[in-house]
Amino acid sequence: MPNIKSAKKRTLVIEKKTAQNKMIKSEVKTAIKKFLAAVDSGDKASATEMFPGVCSLIDGAVSKGVYKKNTAANKKSGLAKKLNAMA
């Protein structure tokens, strides 16, 4: 446990930021799971409709510093491959 006032504040700020990052990651993971469920069920129309939204969420997470740029590109690429494989 920190004794110095500034160290106490840093722990509070870190806890708050960690909670925000977890929330963003969870939202992205949920969207990806829904997209993959649509792909697995063979519902191409629904999957095609969901894809831009999922990519947007991933890009938003990158802009907030939750994911790195290459990680996001890798995730989007994998999702696009699964979508294109449906055809």
Protein backbone atom coordinates (compact mmCIF):
# COMPACT_ATOMS: atom_id res chain seq x y z
CA MET A 1 0.00 0.00 0.00
CA PRO A 2 1.47 3.37 -0.98
CA ASN A 3 2.24 5.94 1.71
CA ILE A 4 2.89 8.98 -0.47
CA LYS A 5 -0.10 11.01 -1.58
CA SER A 6 0.85 11.04 -5.29
CA ALA A 7 1.38 7.26 -5.25
CA LYS A 8 -2.07 6.79 -3.71
CA LYS A 9 -3.57 8.92 -6.46
CA ARG A 10 -1.73 6.91 -9.16
CA THR A 11 -3.22 3.66 -7.84
CA LEU A 12 -6.72 5.16 -7.95
CA VAL A 13 -6.19 6.45 -11.50
CA ILE A 14 -4.76 3.11 -12.65
CA GLU A 15 -7.73 1.21 -11.20
CA LYS A 16 -10.13 3.54 -13.00
CA LYS A 17 -8.30 3.22 -16.34
CA THR A 18 -8.07 -0.57 -15.96
CA ALA A 19 -11.83 -0.75 -15.49
CA GLN A 20 -12.41 1.38 -18.60
CA ASN A 21 -10.04 -0.76 -20.67
CA LYS A 22 -11.74 -3.96 -19.48
CA MET A 23 -15.12 -2.52 -20.45
CA ILE A 24 -13.90 -1.66 -23.96
CA LYS A 25 -12.23 -5.07 -24.43
CA SER A 26 -15.37 -6.83 -23.25
CA GLU A 27 -17.53 -4.86 -25.69
CA VAL A 28 -15.21 -5.76 -28.59
CA LYS A 29 -15.10 -9.44 -27.60
CA THR A 30 -18.91 -9.60 -27.35
CA ALA A 31 -19.31 -8.04 -30.81
CA ILE A 32 -16.78 -10.50 -32.27
CA LYS A 33 -18.60 -13.44 -30.66
CA LYS A 34 -21.93 -12.29 -32.11
CA PHE A 35 -20.32 -11.88 -35.54
CA LEU A 36 -18.74 -15.34 -35.39
CA ALA A 37 -22.07 -16.84 -34.28
CA ALA A 38 -23.71 -15.32 -37.36
CA VAL A 39 -20.90 -16.70 -39.55
CA ASP A 40 -21.15 -20.18 -37.99
CA SER A 41 -24.92 -20.27 -38.45
CA GLY A 42 -24.43 -19.42 -42.14
CA ASP A 43 -26.40 -16.16 -42.00
CA LYS A 44 -24.39 -14.20 -44.58
CA ALA A 45 -26.74 -11.20 -44.65
CA SER A 46 -26.53 -10.70 -40.89
CA ALA A 47 -22.75 -11.23 -40.82
CA THR A 48 -22.22 -8.76 -43.68
CA GLU A 49 -24.33 -6.21 -41.84
CA MET A 50 -22.44 -6.70 -38.56
CA PHE A 51 -18.91 -6.60 -40.00
CA PRO A 52 -18.51 -2.79 -40.35
CA GLY A 53 -19.76 -2.28 -36.80
CA VAL A 54 -17.30 -4.80 -35.39
CA CYS A 55 -14.43 -3.19 -37.32
CA SER A 56 -15.49 0.20 -36.02
CA LEU A 57 -15.44 -1.04 -32.42
CA ILE A 58 -11.96 -2.51 -32.92
CA ASP A 59 -10.72 0.77 -34.45
CA GLY A 60 -12.20 2.68 -31.52
CA ALA A 61 -10.32 0.45 -29.09
CA VAL A 62 -7.10 1.22 -30.99
CA SER A 63 -7.70 4.96 -30.78
CA LYS A 64 -8.16 4.63 -27.00
CA GLY A 65 -4.94 2.64 -26.69
CA VAL A 66 -6.55 -0.64 -25.64
CA TYR A 67 -5.25 -2.58 -28.66
CA LYS A 68 -2.16 -1.97 -30.74
CA LYS A 69 -2.56 -1.14 -34.42
CA ASN A 70 -1.23 -4.46 -35.72
CA THR A 71 -3.34 -6.47 -33.30
CA ALA A 72 -6.45 -4.72 -34.57
CA ALA A 73 -5.44 -5.27 -38.19
CA ASN A 74 -4.89 -8.95 -37.44
CA LYS A 75 -8.32 -9.29 -35.80
CA LYS A 76 -10.11 -7.49 -38.65
CA SER A 77 -8.24 -9.53 -41.25
CA GLY A 78 -9.27 -12.79 -39.61
CA LEU A 79 -12.90 -11.70 -39.44
CA ALA A 80 -12.85 -10.60 -43.09
CA LYS A 81 -11.41 -13.97 -44.12
CA LYS A 82 -14.23 -15.80 -42.32
CA LEU A 83 -16.81 -13.54 -43.93
CA ASN A 84 -15.34 -14.01 -47.43
CA ALA A 85 -15.11 -17.78 -46.93
CA MET A 86 -18.90 -17.91 -46.60
CA ALA A 87 -19.36 -17.14 -50.31
